Amino acid sequence: MVLIKLLVEGGKMSPGPAVAQQLGPMGINMGQVISDVNEATSEFKGVTVPVHLTVDPKTKEFSIKVLSPPTSELIKKELGIEKASGDRMKQKVGNFGIEQVISVGKSKHNSMLSNDFPATLRSVIGTCQALGVLIESKEPKEVLEEISEGKYKEEIKAQKTDVDAEKKEELDAFFAKIAEEQEAVKAAAEEAEKIEKSSEEAKEEKPEEKKE
């Protein structure tokens, strides 16, 4: 049996030289593999997921095992974004409700070594911190402290994953202000850079005055 490890976008695997080089010599039907992998990963559209393809070179049979996507991919899918923050201290990319943290935690829990769901949540919150995602309009580390103090106990116990419409509206409104401020800072920085560049170019173009 041969194990081939793949990373594919859910439902969108396409022919590629790397896979073809591995499957081609074994005489495996590439089209069938792609079709079956896309079907198996269809629920993860827009998310990159690890897939283990086990192949029997003698019988040409294969089996597919879809592993849990990376936590960061699940968070980005939940937020509806493609990229995380390049500078989490200055650039925020979203605002989660605790329910969304729980939702991602439930998706990851079975693939984690810990049997303690709160430990899984702490791991998800740590990833939110790294990606520049606010939780309950706060820095993730503040939410970790609140969980330690017993806040969100009911939501975690019930494993609530749906954010109430009114609360979602408040979270979105808060983040909209943050995003607006970030854009203003970015625009100001770009304008300052443009002025500095123009000034340097002007100095280069102006001939130096000769001393008598």
N, C-alpha and C. Protein backbone atom coordinates (compact mmCIF):
# COMPACT_ATOMS: atom_id res chain seq x y z
N MET A 1 0.84 -1.19 0.00
CA MET A 1 0.00 0.00 0.00
C MET A 1 0.89 1.25 0.00
N VAL A 2 0.46 2.23 -0.76
CA VAL A 2 1.22 3.48 -0.86
C VAL A 2 0.35 4.62 -0.32
N LEU A 3 0.94 5.44 0.57
CA LEU A 3 0.21 6.58 1.13
C LEU A 3 0.69 7.86 0.46
N ILE A 4 -0.25 8.57 -0.12
CA ILE A 4 0.04 9.85 -0.77
C ILE A 4 -0.68 10.95 0.00
N LYS A 5 0.07 11.93 0.47
CA LYS A 5 -0.51 13.02 1.24
C LYS A 5 -0.72 14.23 0.34
N LEU A 6 -1.95 14.73 0.36
CA LEU A 6 -2.31 15.86 -0.50
C LEU A 6 -2.83 17.03 0.33
N LEU A 7 -2.71 18.23 -0.23
CA LEU A 7 -3.35 19.41 0.33
C LEU A 7 -4.18 19.99 -0.81
N VAL A 8 -5.50 19.96 -0.66
CA VAL A 8 -6.35 20.42 -1.75
C VAL A 8 -7.40 21.41 -1.25
N GLU A 9 -7.84 22.28 -2.15
CA GLU A 9 -8.95 23.16 -1.81
C GLU A 9 -10.23 22.35 -1.92
N GLY A 10 -11.04 22.41 -0.88
CA GLY A 10 -12.24 21.59 -0.82
C GLY A 10 -13.08 21.63 -2.09
N GLY A 11 -13.29 20.47 -2.70
CA GLY A 11 -14.14 20.37 -3.90
C GLY A 11 -13.50 20.87 -5.16
N LYS A 12 -12.21 21.26 -5.11
CA LYS A 12 -11.58 21.85 -6.29
C LYS A 12 -10.21 21.26 -6.62
N MET A 13 -10.04 19.99 -6.36
CA MET A 13 -8.77 19.37 -6.76
C MET A 13 -8.69 19.34 -8.28
N SER A 14 -7.52 19.63 -8.81
CA SER A 14 -7.34 19.61 -10.26
C SER A 14 -6.07 18.83 -10.61
N PRO A 15 -5.93 18.39 -11.86
CA PRO A 15 -4.75 17.61 -12.25
C PRO A 15 -3.47 18.42 -12.01
N GLY A 16 -2.46 17.77 -11.53
CA GLY A 16 -1.18 18.45 -11.29
C GLY A 16 -0.04 17.48 -11.47
N PRO A 17 1.13 17.99 -11.85
CA PRO A 17 2.28 17.11 -12.12
C PRO A 17 2.73 16.30 -10.91
N ALA A 18 2.64 16.89 -9.72
CA ALA A 18 3.11 16.19 -8.51
C ALA A 18 2.33 14.90 -8.28
N VAL A 19 1.00 15.00 -8.38
CA VAL A 19 0.15 13.83 -8.16
C VAL A 19 0.27 12.87 -9.34
N ALA A 20 0.32 13.42 -10.54
CA ALA A 20 0.42 12.59 -11.75
C ALA A 20 1.68 11.72 -11.72
N GLN A 21 2.77 12.29 -11.23
CA GLN A 21 4.03 11.55 -11.16
C GLN A 21 3.93 10.36 -10.20
N GLN A 22 3.10 10.52 -9.16
CA GLN A 22 2.95 9.45 -8.18
C GLN A 22 1.94 8.40 -8.61
N LEU A 23 0.84 8.85 -9.21
CA LEU A 23 -0.23 7.92 -9.60
C LEU A 23 -0.01 7.30 -10.98
N GLY A 24 0.59 8.09 -11.88
CA GLY A 24 0.79 7.62 -13.25
C GLY A 24 1.48 6.27 -13.36
N PRO A 25 2.65 6.08 -12.75
CA PRO A 25 3.37 4.81 -12.85
C PRO A 25 2.59 3.61 -12.29
N MET A 26 1.62 3.90 -11.41
CA MET A 26 0.83 2.80 -10.82
C MET A 26 -0.41 2.48 -11.64
N GLY A 27 -0.63 3.28 -12.69
CA GLY A 27 -1.77 3.03 -13.56
C GLY A 27 -3.11 3.36 -12.93
N ILE A 28 -3.10 4.31 -11.99
CA ILE A 28 -4.34 4.71 -11.33
C ILE A 28 -5.07 5.74 -12.17
N ASN A 29 -6.39 5.61 -12.26
CA ASN A 29 -7.22 6.54 -13.03
C ASN A 29 -7.24 7.91 -12.34
N MET A 30 -6.49 8.87 -12.89
CA MET A 30 -6.37 10.20 -12.30
C MET A 30 -7.73 10.91 -12.22
N GLY A 31 -8.50 10.79 -13.29
CA GLY A 31 -9.81 11.44 -13.33
C GLY A 31 -10.72 10.95 -12.22
N GLN A 32 -10.69 9.64 -11.95
CA GLN A 32 -11.53 9.07 -10.90
C GLN A 32 -11.08 9.54 -9.52
N VAL A 33 -9.77 9.61 -9.33
CA VAL A 33 -9.23 10.08 -8.05
C VAL A 33 -9.68 11.52 -7.79
N ILE A 34 -9.52 12.37 -8.79
CA ILE A 34 -9.90 13.78 -8.64
C ILE A 34 -11.38 13.92 -8.34
N SER A 35 -12.20 13.17 -9.06
CA SER A 35 -13.64 13.20 -8.86
C SER A 35 -14.01 12.77 -7.44
N ASP A 36 -13.41 11.68 -6.98
CA ASP A 36 -13.73 11.16 -5.64
C ASP A 36 -13.23 12.08 -4.54
N VAL A 37 -12.03 12.66 -4.73
CA VAL A 37 -11.50 13.58 -3.73
C VAL A 37 -12.37 14.83 -3.65
N ASN A 38 -12.80 15.34 -4.79
CA ASN A 38 -13.65 16.53 -4.79
C ASN A 38 -14.99 16.27 -4.11
N GLU A 39 -15.50 15.08 -4.31
CA GLU A 39 -16.76 14.72 -3.65
C GLU A 39 -16.56 14.61 -2.13
N ALA A 40 -15.45 14.01 -1.74
CA ALA A 40 -15.17 13.79 -0.32
C ALA A 40 -14.88 15.10 0.41
N THR A 41 -14.40 16.11 -0.31
CA THR A 41 -14.04 17.39 0.32
C THR A 41 -15.01 18.51 0.00
N SER A 42 -16.14 18.17 -0.60
CA SER A 42 -17.09 19.20 -1.05
C SER A 42 -17.62 20.09 0.07
N GLU A 43 -17.69 19.56 1.30
CA GLU A 43 -18.22 20.38 2.41
C GLU A 43 -17.20 21.42 2.89
N PHE A 44 -15.99 21.34 2.39
CA PHE A 44 -14.94 22.28 2.80
C PHE A 44 -14.60 23.26 1.68
N LYS A 45 -15.59 23.68 0.91
CA LYS A 45 -15.33 24.61 -0.19
C LYS A 45 -14.70 25.90 0.33
N GLY A 46 -13.64 26.33 -0.36
CA GLY A 46 -12.94 27.55 0.04
C GLY A 46 -11.92 27.33 1.14
N VAL A 47 -11.74 26.06 1.56
CA VAL A 47 -10.81 25.74 2.63
C VAL A 47 -9.80 24.71 2.13
N THR A 48 -8.53 24.92 2.48
CA THR A 48 -7.50 23.94 2.13
C THR A 48 -7.50 22.82 3.16
N VAL A 49 -7.67 21.59 2.68
CA VAL A 49 -7.76 20.46 3.61
C VAL A 49 -6.71 19.39 3.28
N PRO A 50 -6.17 18.72 4.31
CA PRO A 50 -5.24 17.62 4.08
C PRO A 50 -6.02 16.36 3.71
N VAL A 51 -5.54 15.65 2.73
CA VAL A 51 -6.19 14.42 2.28
C VAL A 51 -5.14 13.31 2.19
N HIS A 52 -5.45 12.15 2.76
CA HIS A 52 -4.56 10.99 2.65
C HIS A 52 -5.16 10.02 1.65
N LEU A 53 -4.40 9.74 0.62
CA LEU A 53 -4.83 8.83 -0.44
C LEU A 53 -4.02 7.54 -0.30
N THR A 54 -4.70 6.44 0.05
CA THR A 54 -4.03 5.15 0.20
C THR A 54 -4.29 4.32 -1.05
N VAL A 55 -3.21 3.92 -1.72
CA VAL A 55 -3.33 3.23 -3.02
C VAL A 55 -2.72 1.83 -2.95
N ASP A 56 -3.43 0.89 -3.56
CA ASP A 56 -2.91 -0.48 -3.70
C ASP A 56 -2.46 -0.63 -5.16
N PRO A 57 -1.15 -0.58 -5.43
CA PRO A 57 -0.66 -0.64 -6.81
C PRO A 57 -1.05 -1.92 -7.54
N LYS A 58 -1.27 -3.00 -6.81
CA LYS A 58 -1.61 -4.28 -7.45
C LYS A 58 -3.04 -4.31 -7.95
N THR A 59 -3.96 -3.88 -7.10
CA THR A 59 -5.38 -3.95 -7.48
C THR A 59 -5.88 -2.65 -8.12
N LYS A 60 -5.07 -1.58 -8.03
CA LYS A 60 -5.42 -0.24 -8.54
C LYS A 60 -6.55 0.40 -7.72
N GLU A 61 -6.83 -0.18 -6.58
CA GLU A 61 -7.87 0.40 -5.72
C GLU A 61 -7.26 1.46 -4.81
N PHE A 62 -8.08 2.41 -4.41
CA PHE A 62 -7.59 3.47 -3.52
C PHE A 62 -8.69 3.89 -2.55
N SER A 63 -8.27 4.42 -1.42
CA SER A 63 -9.22 4.93 -0.44
C SER A 63 -8.82 6.36 -0.06
N ILE A 64 -9.80 7.13 0.34
CA ILE A 64 -9.58 8.55 0.64
C ILE A 64 -9.94 8.84 2.09
N LYS A 65 -9.05 9.53 2.77
CA LYS A 65 -9.34 9.97 4.14
C LYS A 65 -9.12 11.47 4.21
N VAL A 66 -10.19 12.19 4.54
CA VAL A 66 -10.11 13.65 4.65
C VAL A 66 -9.82 14.00 6.10
N LEU A 67 -8.73 14.70 6.33
CA LEU A 67 -8.37 15.10 7.68
C LEU A 67 -8.96 16.46 8.00
N SER A 68 -8.98 16.80 9.27
CA SER A 68 -9.51 18.10 9.68
C SER A 68 -8.63 19.22 9.14
N PRO A 69 -9.22 20.26 8.55
CA PRO A 69 -8.43 21.39 8.04
C PRO A 69 -7.69 22.08 9.17
N PRO A 70 -6.62 22.80 8.86
CA PRO A 70 -5.91 23.57 9.89
C PRO A 70 -6.87 24.56 10.55
N THR A 71 -6.66 24.84 11.82
CA THR A 71 -7.52 25.77 12.55
C THR A 71 -7.60 27.11 11.85
N SER A 72 -6.47 27.58 11.33
CA SER A 72 -6.45 28.88 10.66
C SER A 72 -7.38 28.91 9.45
N GLU A 73 -7.46 27.79 8.72
CA GLU A 73 -8.34 27.72 7.55
C GLU A 73 -9.81 27.77 7.98
N LEU A 74 -10.14 27.09 9.06
CA LEU A 74 -11.52 27.10 9.55
C LEU A 74 -11.93 28.50 10.02
N ILE A 75 -10.99 29.19 10.66
CA ILE A 75 -11.27 30.55 11.13
C ILE A 75 -11.50 31.48 9.94
N LYS A 76 -10.65 31.36 8.92
CA LYS A 76 -10.80 32.22 7.73
C LYS A 76 -12.12 31.93 7.01
N LYS A 77 -12.50 30.66 6.98
CA LYS A 77 -13.77 30.30 6.35
C LYS A 77 -14.93 30.91 7.14
N GLU A 78 -14.88 30.84 8.45
CA GLU A 78 -15.92 31.38 9.31
C GLU A 78 -16.06 32.90 9.11
N LEU A 79 -14.92 33.56 8.88
CA LEU A 79 -14.93 35.01 8.68
C LEU A 79 -15.22 35.40 7.24
N GLY A 80 -15.07 34.43 6.33
CA GLY A 80 -15.29 34.73 4.91
C GLY A 80 -14.14 35.52 4.31
N ILE A 81 -12.91 35.26 4.77
CA ILE A 81 -11.74 35.96 4.25
C ILE A 81 -10.75 34.96 3.66
N GLU A 82 -9.88 35.44 2.78
CA GLU A 82 -8.89 34.57 2.15
C GLU A 82 -7.54 34.65 2.84
N LYS A 83 -7.22 35.84 3.40
CA LYS A 83 -5.92 36.02 4.03
C LYS A 83 -6.08 36.55 5.45
N ALA A 84 -5.13 36.16 6.29
CA ALA A 84 -5.12 36.66 7.65
C ALA A 84 -4.27 37.93 7.69
N SER A 85 -4.12 38.49 8.87
CA SER A 85 -3.35 39.71 9.02
C SER A 85 -1.86 39.44 8.89
N GLY A 86 -1.17 40.33 8.17
CA GLY A 86 0.27 40.22 8.08
C GLY A 86 0.95 40.84 9.30
N ASP A 87 0.19 41.63 10.03
CA ASP A 87 0.70 42.27 11.25
C ASP A 87 -0.44 42.32 12.25
N ARG A 88 -0.56 41.26 13.04
CA ARG A 88 -1.71 41.12 13.94
C ARG A 88 -1.82 42.23 14.97
N MET A 89 -0.70 42.92 15.27
CA MET A 89 -0.73 43.98 16.27
C MET A 89 -1.37 45.25 15.71
N LYS A 90 -1.26 45.44 14.40
CA LYS A 90 -1.79 46.66 13.78
C LYS A 90 -3.01 46.41 12.90
N GLN A 91 -3.12 45.21 12.35
CA GLN A 91 -4.17 44.93 11.39
C GLN A 91 -5.10 43.83 11.89
N LYS A 92 -6.35 44.17 12.12
CA LYS A 92 -7.34 43.18 12.53
C LYS A 92 -8.16 42.77 11.31
N VAL A 93 -8.53 41.49 11.26
CA VAL A 93 -9.22 40.99 10.06
C VAL A 93 -10.66 40.56 10.33
N GLY A 94 -11.08 40.55 11.59
CA GLY A 94 -12.45 40.13 11.87
C GLY A 94 -12.76 40.18 13.36
N ASN A 95 -14.03 39.92 13.67
CA ASN A 95 -14.51 39.98 15.05
C ASN A 95 -15.44 38.81 15.30
N PHE A 96 -14.95 37.82 16.03
CA PHE A 96 -15.71 36.61 16.34
C PHE A 96 -16.61 36.79 17.56
N GLY A 97 -17.74 36.10 17.54
CA GLY A 97 -18.50 35.90 18.76
C GLY A 97 -17.96 34.62 19.39
N ILE A 98 -18.13 34.45 20.68
CA ILE A 98 -17.63 33.24 21.35
C ILE A 98 -18.25 31.99 20.71
N GLU A 99 -19.46 32.15 20.17
CA GLU A 99 -20.13 31.01 19.52
C GLU A 99 -19.35 30.53 18.30
N GLN A 100 -18.73 31.47 17.58
CA GLN A 100 -17.95 31.09 16.40
C GLN A 100 -16.66 30.38 16.79
N VAL A 101 -16.10 30.79 17.93
CA VAL A 101 -14.93 30.10 18.46
C VAL A 101 -15.31 28.66 18.80
N ILE A 102 -16.47 28.50 19.41
CA ILE A 102 -16.96 27.16 19.77
C ILE A 102 -17.20 26.32 18.52
N SER A 103 -17.73 26.95 17.47
CA SER A 103 -17.98 26.24 16.21
C SER A 103 -16.69 25.69 15.62
N VAL A 104 -15.65 26.52 15.58
CA VAL A 104 -14.36 26.07 15.07
C VAL A 104 -13.79 24.99 15.99
N GLY A 105 -13.95 25.18 17.30
CA GLY A 105 -13.47 24.21 18.27
C GLY A 105 -14.11 22.84 18.07
N LYS A 106 -15.39 22.81 17.79
CA LYS A 106 -16.09 21.53 17.57
C LYS A 106 -15.56 20.83 16.32
N SER A 107 -15.20 21.62 15.30
CA SER A 107 -14.67 21.04 14.06
C SER A 107 -13.29 20.44 14.27
N LYS A 108 -12.53 21.01 15.22
CA LYS A 108 -11.15 20.57 15.43
C LYS A 108 -11.00 19.56 16.57
N HIS A 109 -11.96 19.50 17.48
CA HIS A 109 -11.78 18.76 18.73
C HIS A 109 -11.38 17.30 18.55
N ASN A 110 -12.04 16.61 17.63
CA ASN A 110 -11.76 15.17 17.46
C ASN A 110 -10.37 14.88 16.93
N SER A 111 -9.78 15.88 16.24
CA SER A 111 -8.44 15.66 15.68
C SER A 111 -7.33 16.09 16.63
N MET A 112 -7.72 16.66 17.76
CA MET A 112 -6.73 17.10 18.75
C MET A 112 -6.50 16.03 19.81
N LEU A 113 -5.33 16.06 20.42
CA LEU A 113 -4.99 15.05 21.42
C LEU A 113 -5.76 15.23 22.72
N SER A 114 -6.17 16.44 23.01
CA SER A 114 -6.85 16.71 24.28
C SER A 114 -8.30 16.26 24.25
N ASN A 115 -8.76 15.65 25.35
CA ASN A 115 -10.16 15.29 25.49
C ASN A 115 -10.94 16.41 26.16
N ASP A 116 -10.24 17.48 26.53
CA ASP A 116 -10.82 18.60 27.25
C ASP A 116 -11.23 19.67 26.23
N PHE A 117 -12.55 19.87 26.07
CA PHE A 117 -13.02 20.82 25.06
C PHE A 117 -12.54 22.25 25.35
N PRO A 118 -12.55 22.70 26.62
CA PRO A 118 -12.01 24.04 26.89
C PRO A 118 -10.57 24.20 26.44
N ALA A 119 -9.78 23.12 26.49
CA ALA A 119 -8.39 23.18 26.02
C ALA A 119 -8.36 23.40 24.51
N THR A 120 -9.31 22.76 23.82
CA THR A 120 -9.42 22.96 22.37
C THR A 120 -9.77 24.41 22.07
N LEU A 121 -10.69 24.98 22.86
CA LEU A 121 -11.07 26.38 22.67
C LEU A 121 -9.88 27.31 22.89
N ARG A 122 -9.07 27.01 23.89
CA ARG A 122 -7.90 27.84 24.15
C ARG A 122 -6.94 27.81 22.96
N SER A 123 -6.83 26.65 22.33
CA SER A 123 -5.98 26.53 21.15
C SER A 123 -6.54 27.37 20.00
N VAL A 124 -7.85 27.32 19.80
CA VAL A 124 -8.50 28.11 18.74
C VAL A 124 -8.30 29.60 19.01
N ILE A 125 -8.47 30.00 20.27
CA ILE A 125 -8.31 31.41 20.64
C ILE A 125 -6.88 31.87 20.39
N GLY A 126 -5.92 30.98 20.66
CA GLY A 126 -4.52 31.31 20.38
C GLY A 126 -4.29 31.55 18.90
N THR A 127 -4.94 30.76 18.06
CA THR A 127 -4.82 30.95 16.61
C THR A 127 -5.48 32.25 16.18
N CYS A 128 -6.61 32.59 16.80
CA CYS A 128 -7.27 33.87 16.52
C CYS A 128 -6.31 35.02 16.81
N GLN A 129 -5.60 34.92 17.93
CA GLN A 129 -4.63 35.94 18.31
C GLN A 129 -3.56 36.09 17.23
N ALA A 130 -3.07 34.95 16.75
CA ALA A 130 -2.01 34.97 15.73
C ALA A 130 -2.48 35.54 14.40
N LEU A 131 -3.76 35.35 14.08
CA LEU A 131 -4.30 35.79 12.79
C LEU A 131 -4.80 37.23 12.79
N GLY A 132 -4.92 37.83 13.99
CA GLY A 132 -5.44 39.19 14.06
C GLY A 132 -6.96 39.23 14.12
N VAL A 133 -7.56 38.24 14.79
CA VAL A 133 -9.02 38.16 14.92
C VAL A 133 -9.43 38.55 16.34
N LEU A 134 -10.32 39.51 16.45
CA LEU A 134 -10.87 39.89 17.74
C LEU A 134 -11.93 38.87 18.14
N ILE A 135 -12.19 38.75 19.44
CA ILE A 135 -13.26 37.89 19.92
C ILE A 135 -14.10 38.70 20.90
N GLU A 136 -15.40 38.76 20.63
CA GLU A 136 -16.31 39.55 21.46
C GLU A 136 -15.81 41.00 21.56
N SER A 137 -15.27 41.51 20.44
CA SER A 137 -14.77 42.89 20.34
C SER A 137 -13.58 43.16 21.28
N LYS A 138 -12.85 42.10 21.62
CA LYS A 138 -11.70 42.22 22.52
C LYS A 138 -10.52 41.45 21.96
N GLU A 139 -9.36 41.73 22.53
CA GLU A 139 -8.18 40.93 22.19
C GLU A 139 -8.40 39.51 22.73
N PRO A 140 -8.01 38.49 21.97
CA PRO A 140 -8.22 37.10 22.40
C PRO A 140 -7.67 36.79 23.79
N LYS A 141 -6.55 37.40 24.17
CA LYS A 141 -5.98 37.11 25.48
C LYS A 141 -6.91 37.56 26.61
N GLU A 142 -7.70 38.61 26.36
CA GLU A 142 -8.67 39.05 27.35
C GLU A 142 -9.78 38.02 27.51
N VAL A 143 -10.17 37.43 26.38
CA VAL A 143 -11.23 36.42 26.41
C VAL A 143 -10.75 35.16 27.13
N LEU A 144 -9.48 34.83 26.95
CA LEU A 144 -8.91 33.68 27.68
C LEU A 144 -9.02 33.90 29.18
N GLU A 145 -8.73 35.12 29.62
CA GLU A 145 -8.83 35.44 31.05
C GLU A 145 -10.27 35.35 31.52
N GLU A 146 -11.19 35.82 30.68
CA GLU A 146 -12.61 35.79 31.04
C GLU A 146 -13.12 34.34 31.16
N ILE A 147 -12.65 33.48 30.25
CA ILE A 147 -13.05 32.07 30.31
C ILE A 147 -12.54 31.43 31.60
N SER A 148 -11.32 31.80 31.99
CA SER A 148 -10.74 31.29 33.24
C SER A 148 -11.55 31.74 34.45
N GLU A 149 -12.18 32.91 34.32
CA GLU A 149 -12.99 33.46 35.41
C GLU A 149 -14.42 32.92 35.40
N GLY A 150 -14.74 32.12 34.39
CA GLY A 150 -16.07 31.51 34.34
C GLY A 150 -17.04 32.14 33.37
N LYS A 151 -16.62 33.18 32.68
CA LYS A 151 -17.51 33.81 31.71
C LYS A 151 -17.67 32.89 30.49
N TYR A 152 -18.80 32.96 29.83
CA TYR A 152 -19.14 32.12 28.67
C TYR A 152 -19.32 30.65 29.05
N LYS A 153 -19.46 30.38 30.35
CA LYS A 153 -19.59 29.01 30.83
C LYS A 153 -20.79 28.31 30.21
N GLU A 154 -21.92 29.03 30.16
CA GLU A 154 -23.15 28.43 29.63
C GLU A 154 -23.02 28.13 28.14
N GLU A 155 -22.45 29.08 27.39
CA GLU A 155 -22.28 28.88 25.95
C GLU A 155 -21.38 27.69 25.66
N ILE A 156 -20.28 27.58 26.43
CA ILE A 156 -19.33 26.49 26.23
C ILE A 156 -19.94 25.15 26.61
N LYS A 157 -20.67 25.13 27.72
CA LYS A 157 -21.30 23.89 28.17
C LYS A 157 -22.33 23.40 27.15
N ALA A 158 -23.09 24.34 26.59
CA ALA A 158 -24.11 23.98 25.60
C ALA A 158 -23.52 23.82 24.19
N GLN A 159 -22.23 24.18 24.05
CA GLN A 159 -21.55 24.18 22.76
C GLN A 159 -22.38 24.94 21.72
N LYS A 160 -22.77 26.13 22.11
CA LYS A 160 -23.58 26.99 21.24
C LYS A 160 -22.74 27.52 20.08
N THR A 161 -23.24 27.39 18.87
CA THR A 161 -22.47 27.81 17.70
C THR A 161 -23.17 28.89 16.87
N ASP A 162 -24.39 29.25 17.24
CA ASP A 162 -25.12 30.26 16.48
C ASP A 162 -25.06 31.61 17.20
N VAL A 163 -24.63 32.64 16.47
CA VAL A 163 -24.58 33.98 17.03
C VAL A 163 -25.93 34.66 16.79
N ASP A 164 -26.53 35.17 17.85
CA ASP A 164 -27.81 35.86 17.72
C ASP A 164 -27.68 37.02 16.74
N ALA A 165 -28.73 37.29 15.98
CA ALA A 165 -28.69 38.33 14.95
C ALA A 165 -28.31 39.69 15.52
N GLU A 166 -28.89 40.05 16.67
CA GLU A 166 -28.60 41.35 17.27
C GLU A 166 -27.13 41.44 17.69
N LYS A 167 -26.64 40.38 18.29
CA LYS A 167 -25.24 40.36 18.71
C LYS A 167 -24.32 40.41 17.50
N LYS A 168 -24.65 39.67 16.44
CA LYS A 168 -23.84 39.66 15.23
C LYS A 168 -23.75 41.07 14.64
N GLU A 169 -24.86 41.77 14.68
CA GLU A 169 -24.90 43.14 14.16
C GLU A 169 -23.97 44.04 14.97
N GLU A 170 -23.96 43.86 16.28
CA GLU A 170 -23.08 44.66 17.15
C GLU A 170 -21.61 44.34 16.89
N LEU A 171 -21.30 43.05 16.73
CA LEU A 171 -19.92 42.65 16.44
C LEU A 171 -19.45 43.22 15.12
N ASP A 172 -20.32 43.17 14.11
CA ASP A 172 -19.97 43.68 12.79
C ASP A 172 -19.78 45.19 12.81
N ALA A 173 -20.65 45.87 13.56
CA ALA A 173 -20.57 47.33 13.65
C ALA A 173 -19.27 47.76 14.32
N PHE A 174 -18.89 47.03 15.37
CA PHE A 174 -17.64 47.33 16.07
C PHE A 174 -16.45 47.15 15.14
N PHE A 175 -16.46 46.04 14.40
CA PHE A 175 -15.33 45.77 13.50
C PHE A 175 -15.30 46.77 12.35
N ALA A 176 -16.48 47.22 11.90
CA ALA A 176 -16.53 48.19 10.80
C ALA A 176 -15.78 49.47 11.19
N LYS A 177 -15.92 49.88 12.45
CA LYS A 177 -15.20 51.07 12.93
C LYS A 177 -13.70 50.81 12.95
N ILE A 178 -13.32 49.61 13.43
CA ILE A 178 -11.90 49.24 13.46
C ILE A 178 -11.32 49.25 12.04
N ALA A 179 -12.06 48.66 11.11
CA ALA A 179 -11.60 48.59 9.73
C ALA A 179 -11.45 49.98 9.12
N GLU A 180 -12.39 50.86 9.44
CA GLU A 180 -12.35 52.24 8.94
C GLU A 180 -11.10 52.97 9.47
N GLU A 181 -10.83 52.78 10.76
CA GLU A 181 -9.64 53.39 11.37
C GLU A 181 -8.36 52.84 10.74
N GLN A 182 -8.34 51.54 10.49
CA GLN A 182 -7.16 50.92 9.88
C GLN A 182 -6.92 51.46 8.47
N GLU A 183 -8.00 51.65 7.72
CA GLU A 183 -7.87 52.18 6.37
C GLU A 183 -7.36 53.61 6.39
N ALA A 184 -7.82 54.39 7.38
CA ALA A 184 -7.37 55.78 7.50
C ALA A 184 -5.87 55.84 7.81
N VAL A 185 -5.43 54.97 8.71
CA VAL A 185 -4.01 54.91 9.07
C VAL A 185 -3.18 54.47 7.86
N LYS A 186 -3.69 53.49 7.14
CA LYS A 186 -2.99 52.99 5.96
C LYS A 186 -2.87 54.08 4.89
N ALA A 187 -3.98 54.82 4.67
CA ALA A 187 -3.98 55.87 3.66
C ALA A 187 -3.01 56.98 4.04
N ALA A 188 -2.97 57.33 5.34
CA ALA A 188 -2.06 58.37 5.81
C ALA A 188 -0.60 57.94 5.62
N ALA A 189 -0.32 56.67 5.90
CA ALA A 189 1.04 56.15 5.74
C ALA A 189 1.46 56.16 4.28
N GLU A 190 0.53 55.78 3.40
CA GLU A 190 0.83 55.76 1.96
C GLU A 190 1.08 57.17 1.43
N GLU A 191 0.28 58.14 1.94
CA GLU A 191 0.43 59.53 1.51
C GLU A 191 1.78 60.08 1.98
N ALA A 192 2.15 59.76 3.22
CA ALA A 192 3.44 60.21 3.76
C ALA A 192 4.60 59.62 2.95
N GLU A 193 4.44 58.35 2.59
CA GLU A 193 5.47 57.68 1.80
C GLU A 193 5.60 58.31 0.42
N LYS A 194 4.43 58.68 -0.15
CA LYS A 194 4.42 59.30 -1.47
C LYS A 194 5.13 60.66 -1.43
N ILE A 195 4.84 61.44 -0.38
CA ILE A 195 5.46 62.77 -0.23
C ILE A 195 6.96 62.64 -0.06
N GLU A 196 7.37 61.66 0.77
CA GLU A 196 8.80 61.45 1.00
C GLU A 196 9.52 61.03 -0.28
N LYS A 197 8.86 60.19 -1.06
CA LYS A 197 9.45 59.73 -2.32
C LYS A 197 9.59 60.88 -3.30
N SER A 198 8.55 61.72 -3.37
CA SER A 198 8.58 62.86 -4.28
C SER A 198 9.69 63.83 -3.88
N SER A 199 9.85 64.01 -2.58
CA SER A 199 10.89 64.90 -2.07
C SER A 199 12.28 64.39 -2.43
N GLU A 200 12.48 63.08 -2.30
CA GLU A 200 13.78 62.48 -2.63
C GLU A 200 14.06 62.59 -4.12
N GLU A 201 13.02 62.39 -4.94
CA GLU A 201 13.19 62.49 -6.39
C GLU A 201 13.53 63.92 -6.80
N ALA A 202 12.90 64.90 -6.12
CA ALA A 202 13.16 66.30 -6.42
C ALA A 202 14.60 66.66 -6.09
N LYS A 203 15.11 66.11 -4.99
CA LYS A 203 16.50 66.37 -4.60
C LYS A 203 17.47 65.79 -5.63
N GLU A 204 17.13 64.63 -6.15
CA GLU A 204 18.00 63.98 -7.13
C GLU A 204 18.02 64.73 -8.45
N GLU A 205 16.87 65.31 -8.81
CA GLU A 205 16.77 66.04 -10.08
C GLU A 205 17.41 67.42 -10.00
N LYS A 206 17.43 68.05 -8.83
CA LYS A 206 17.97 69.40 -8.66
C LYS A 206 19.50 69.34 -8.65
N PRO A 207 20.14 70.03 -9.57
CA PRO A 207 21.62 70.00 -9.61
C PRO A 207 22.20 70.72 -8.40
N GLU A 208 23.31 70.20 -7.93
CA GLU A 208 23.94 70.83 -6.77
C GLU A 208 24.60 72.14 -7.18
N GLU A 209 24.46 73.15 -6.34
CA GLU A 209 25.04 74.45 -6.62
C GLU A 209 26.55 74.40 -6.42
N LYS A 210 27.28 74.96 -7.36
CA LYS A 210 28.72 74.98 -7.25
C LYS A 210 29.17 76.11 -6.36
N LYS A 211 30.09 75.83 -5.48
CA LYS A 211 30.64 76.85 -4.59
C LYS A 211 31.66 77.68 -5.35
N GLU A 212 31.65 79.02 -5.12
CA GLU A 212 32.61 79.92 -5.76
C GLU A 212 34.00 79.66 -5.20
